[in-house]
Amino acid sequence: MTLGDRGSSMNIWATIGAGLASIIALGVAIFLVLGAERFWRLFGDPDLGPVSFEQLERRPTPNDSLACPPDFCKARADVTTRLYRVAAHDLRLEFAKVIASEARVSVAEANEAALTDRYIQRSEHLGFPDTIVVRFLDRADGRSAIALYSRSQLGKGDFGVNRARIERWLGKLAKHVLTVD
């Protein structure tokens, strides 16, 4: 290889690097102009819609998490939820306090008749959207249970964010409502 060949090769790499830097700069500019919420909407609706816990099939990728009472969900749950000492309607009201304490959460749907709510929570820095479905279940003797399914709109992994969210929300709920031991 001659000195001229090396110089030509270096020019090609410099051109490729400059092209990649331009593409990245354009992406950052679009993100800043549109804002996180509108930018991620380019990749689809952030609200991933309702689920049927009884028929739910988990994703093949590790970017979701499921919490259910025993014998309620078809899919394997990451977290088993407990019984609460209040009716489902009252549990839902207490859970609203949990949601109010969380940042960057919006209500996608609230279904009073089905005792099911759906939320979108966005990550702090880049605004990645996750959909969380919460269902409140009446049980015997005025008790209730809760099922939660949290899933990411984007990516194939979530670094444990969805499970951590479910555990955090259930922990906050336990401070408001007594569980059955």
Protein backbone atom coordinates (compact mmCIF):
# COMPACT_ATOMS: atom_id res chain seq x y z
CA MET A 1 0.00 0.00 0.00
CA THR A 2 1.40 3.34 -0.98
CA LEU A 3 1.16 6.57 0.90
CA GLY A 4 -1.45 7.79 -1.58
CA ASP A 5 -3.59 4.67 -0.99
CA ARG A 6 -3.49 5.25 2.77
CA GLY A 7 -4.51 8.85 2.35
CA SER A 8 -7.41 7.84 0.12
CA SER A 9 -8.52 5.22 2.66
CA MET A 10 -8.40 7.78 5.46
CA ASN A 11 -10.51 10.19 3.39
CA ILE A 12 -13.18 7.49 2.93
CA TRP A 13 -13.32 6.86 6.70
CA ALA A 14 -13.44 10.58 7.42
CA THR A 15 -16.32 10.97 4.97
CA ILE A 16 -18.21 8.05 6.54
CA GLY A 17 -17.61 9.48 10.02
CA ALA A 18 -18.81 12.92 8.96
CA GLY A 19 -21.91 11.37 7.38
CA LEU A 20 -22.73 9.43 10.56
CA ALA A 21 -22.19 12.52 12.70
CA SER A 22 -24.55 14.46 10.43
CA ILE A 23 -27.24 11.77 10.73
CA ILE A 24 -26.91 11.72 14.52
CA ALA A 25 -27.05 15.53 14.68
CA LEU A 26 -30.18 15.52 12.51
CA GLY A 27 -31.83 12.93 14.80
CA VAL A 28 -31.00 14.99 17.90
CA ALA A 29 -32.33 18.14 16.23
CA ILE A 30 -35.61 16.41 15.31
CA PHE A 31 -35.92 15.08 18.88
CA LEU A 32 -35.38 18.56 20.33
CA VAL A 33 -37.76 20.28 17.90
CA LEU A 34 -40.58 17.75 18.23
CA GLY A 35 -40.11 16.96 21.92
CA ALA A 36 -39.95 13.45 23.38
CA GLU A 37 -43.69 12.72 23.25
CA ARG A 38 -44.15 13.66 19.60
CA PHE A 39 -40.81 12.12 18.58
CA TRP A 40 -41.58 8.65 20.01
CA ARG A 41 -45.04 8.81 18.42
CA LEU A 42 -43.19 8.50 15.08
CA PHE A 43 -42.58 4.87 16.14
CA GLY A 44 -46.24 4.16 16.94
CA ASP A 45 -48.93 4.97 19.46
CA PRO A 46 -47.43 4.97 22.98
CA ASP A 47 -50.67 3.46 24.31
CA LEU A 48 -50.29 -0.24 23.56
CA GLY A 49 -53.94 -0.85 24.40
CA PRO A 50 -55.89 -3.06 26.77
CA VAL A 51 -55.07 -6.61 27.77
CA SER A 52 -57.08 -9.56 29.00
CA PHE A 53 -55.17 -10.87 32.00
CA GLU A 54 -56.96 -14.20 31.70
CA GLN A 55 -55.73 -14.65 28.10
CA LEU A 56 -52.46 -12.71 28.24
CA GLU A 57 -49.41 -14.17 26.56
CA ARG A 58 -46.13 -12.59 27.59
CA ARG A 59 -43.76 -11.10 25.07
CA PRO A 60 -40.79 -13.12 23.89
CA THR A 61 -38.54 -10.13 24.70
CA PRO A 62 -37.68 -9.10 28.27
CA ASN A 63 -39.36 -5.69 28.18
CA ASP A 64 -42.52 -6.35 30.17
CA SER A 65 -43.54 -7.40 33.67
CA LEU A 66 -46.67 -8.97 35.12
CA ALA A 67 -48.08 -9.00 38.66
CA CYS A 68 -51.13 -11.15 39.40
CA PRO A 69 -52.91 -12.84 42.25
CA PRO A 70 -52.55 -16.63 42.27
CA ASP A 71 -54.67 -18.49 39.69
CA PHE A 72 -55.83 -15.37 37.85
CA CYS A 73 -53.44 -14.81 34.95
CA LYS A 74 -52.81 -17.31 32.19
CA ALA A 75 -49.20 -16.14 31.82
CA ARG A 76 -46.42 -16.59 34.35
CA ALA A 77 -46.34 -13.65 36.74
CA ASP A 78 -43.11 -11.99 37.89
CA VAL A 79 -44.80 -10.81 41.09
CA THR A 80 -47.62 -12.48 43.02
CA THR A 81 -50.04 -9.93 44.45
CA ARG A 82 -51.83 -10.30 47.76
CA LEU A 83 -55.39 -9.81 48.97
CA TYR A 84 -56.35 -6.40 50.32
CA ARG A 85 -58.79 -5.70 53.15
CA VAL A 86 -60.99 -3.40 51.07
CA ALA A 87 -63.41 -3.83 48.16
CA ALA A 88 -62.03 -3.43 44.64
CA HIS A 89 -63.67 -0.02 44.16
CA ASP A 90 -61.97 1.29 47.32
CA LEU A 91 -58.66 -0.30 46.30
CA ARG A 92 -58.90 1.57 43.01
CA LEU A 93 -59.41 4.86 44.85
CA GLU A 94 -56.37 4.19 47.02
CA PHE A 95 -54.33 3.23 43.96
CA ALA A 96 -55.16 6.63 42.46
CA LYS A 97 -53.07 8.12 45.29
CA VAL A 98 -50.14 5.97 44.17
CA ILE A 99 -50.51 7.24 40.61
CA ALA A 100 -50.71 10.83 41.84
CA SER A 101 -47.35 10.37 43.59
CA GLU A 102 -45.64 9.22 40.37
CA ALA A 103 -43.96 11.52 37.86
CA ARG A 104 -44.66 11.58 34.13
CA VAL A 105 -47.82 9.41 34.27
CA SER A 106 -50.90 10.08 32.17
CA VAL A 107 -54.21 8.23 32.06
CA ALA A 108 -54.81 6.50 28.73
CA GLU A 109 -58.16 4.98 29.78
CA ALA A 110 -60.21 4.64 32.96
CA ASN A 111 -63.00 2.06 32.84
CA GLU A 112 -65.13 2.28 35.99
CA ALA A 113 -67.40 -0.60 34.97
CA ALA A 114 -64.52 -3.02 34.38
CA LEU A 115 -62.44 -1.60 37.26
CA THR A 116 -59.53 -1.35 34.84
CA ASP A 117 -57.22 1.59 34.21
CA ARG A 118 -54.48 2.08 31.66
CA TYR A 119 -51.59 4.50 32.10
CA ILE A 120 -48.62 5.76 30.12
CA GLN A 121 -45.47 6.52 32.07
CA ARG A 122 -42.48 8.09 30.35
CA SER A 123 -38.82 7.73 31.28
CA GLU A 124 -37.23 10.77 32.90
CA HIS A 125 -34.61 11.82 30.37
CA LEU A 126 -35.63 10.56 26.93
CA GLY A 127 -39.37 10.17 27.46
CA PHE A 128 -39.62 6.51 26.41
CA PRO A 129 -43.30 5.47 26.86
CA ASP A 130 -44.45 2.39 28.79
CA THR A 131 -48.07 1.22 29.00
CA ILE A 132 -49.35 -0.08 32.32
CA VAL A 133 -52.71 -1.84 32.66
CA VAL A 134 -54.17 -2.20 36.16
CA ARG A 135 -57.22 -4.30 37.02
CA PHE A 136 -58.95 -4.38 40.38
CA LEU A 137 -60.71 -7.60 41.39
CA ASP A 138 -63.44 -8.13 43.95
CA ARG A 139 -62.92 -11.14 46.20
CA ALA A 140 -64.95 -12.77 48.94
CA ASP A 141 -65.68 -11.03 52.24
CA GLY A 142 -65.25 -7.49 50.89
CA ARG A 143 -61.65 -8.10 49.96
CA SER A 144 -59.90 -7.39 46.67
CA ALA A 145 -56.86 -8.12 44.55
CA ILE A 146 -54.95 -6.30 41.84
CA ALA A 147 -53.28 -7.30 38.57
CA LEU A 148 -50.74 -5.12 36.74
CA TYR A 149 -49.07 -5.51 33.37
CA SER A 150 -46.35 -3.05 32.40
CA ARG A 151 -44.74 -3.10 28.95
CA SER A 152 -42.40 -0.95 26.89
CA GLN A 153 -43.36 0.44 23.50
CA LEU A 154 -39.77 0.47 22.23
CA GLY A 155 -36.77 -1.81 22.49
CA LYS A 156 -36.18 -5.45 23.25
CA GLY A 157 -35.08 -4.96 26.85
CA ASP A 158 -35.95 -2.59 29.66
CA PHE A 159 -33.14 -3.01 32.22
CA GLY A 160 -35.79 -4.16 34.75
CA VAL A 161 -37.72 -0.88 34.62
CA ASN A 162 -41.18 -2.45 34.19
CA ARG A 163 -40.74 -4.88 37.09
CA ALA A 164 -39.25 -2.18 39.31
CA ARG A 165 -42.25 0.04 38.53
CA ILE A 166 -44.73 -2.68 39.49
CA GLU A 167 -42.90 -3.44 42.72
CA ARG A 168 -42.66 0.29 43.56
CA TRP A 169 -46.36 0.87 42.89
CA LEU A 170 -47.38 -2.17 44.94
CA GLY A 171 -45.08 -1.03 47.76
CA LYS A 172 -46.70 2.39 47.78
CA LEU A 173 -50.16 0.82 47.71
CA ALA A 174 -49.27 -1.35 50.74
CA LYS A 175 -48.67 1.89 52.69
CA HIS A 176 -52.28 2.95 52.01
CA VAL A 177 -54.18 -0.35 52.31
CA LEU A 178 -53.73 -3.32 54.62
CA THR A 179 -53.18 -6.70 53.03
CA VAL A 180 -54.54 -10.01 54.27
CA ASP A 181 -51.76 -11.99 55.94
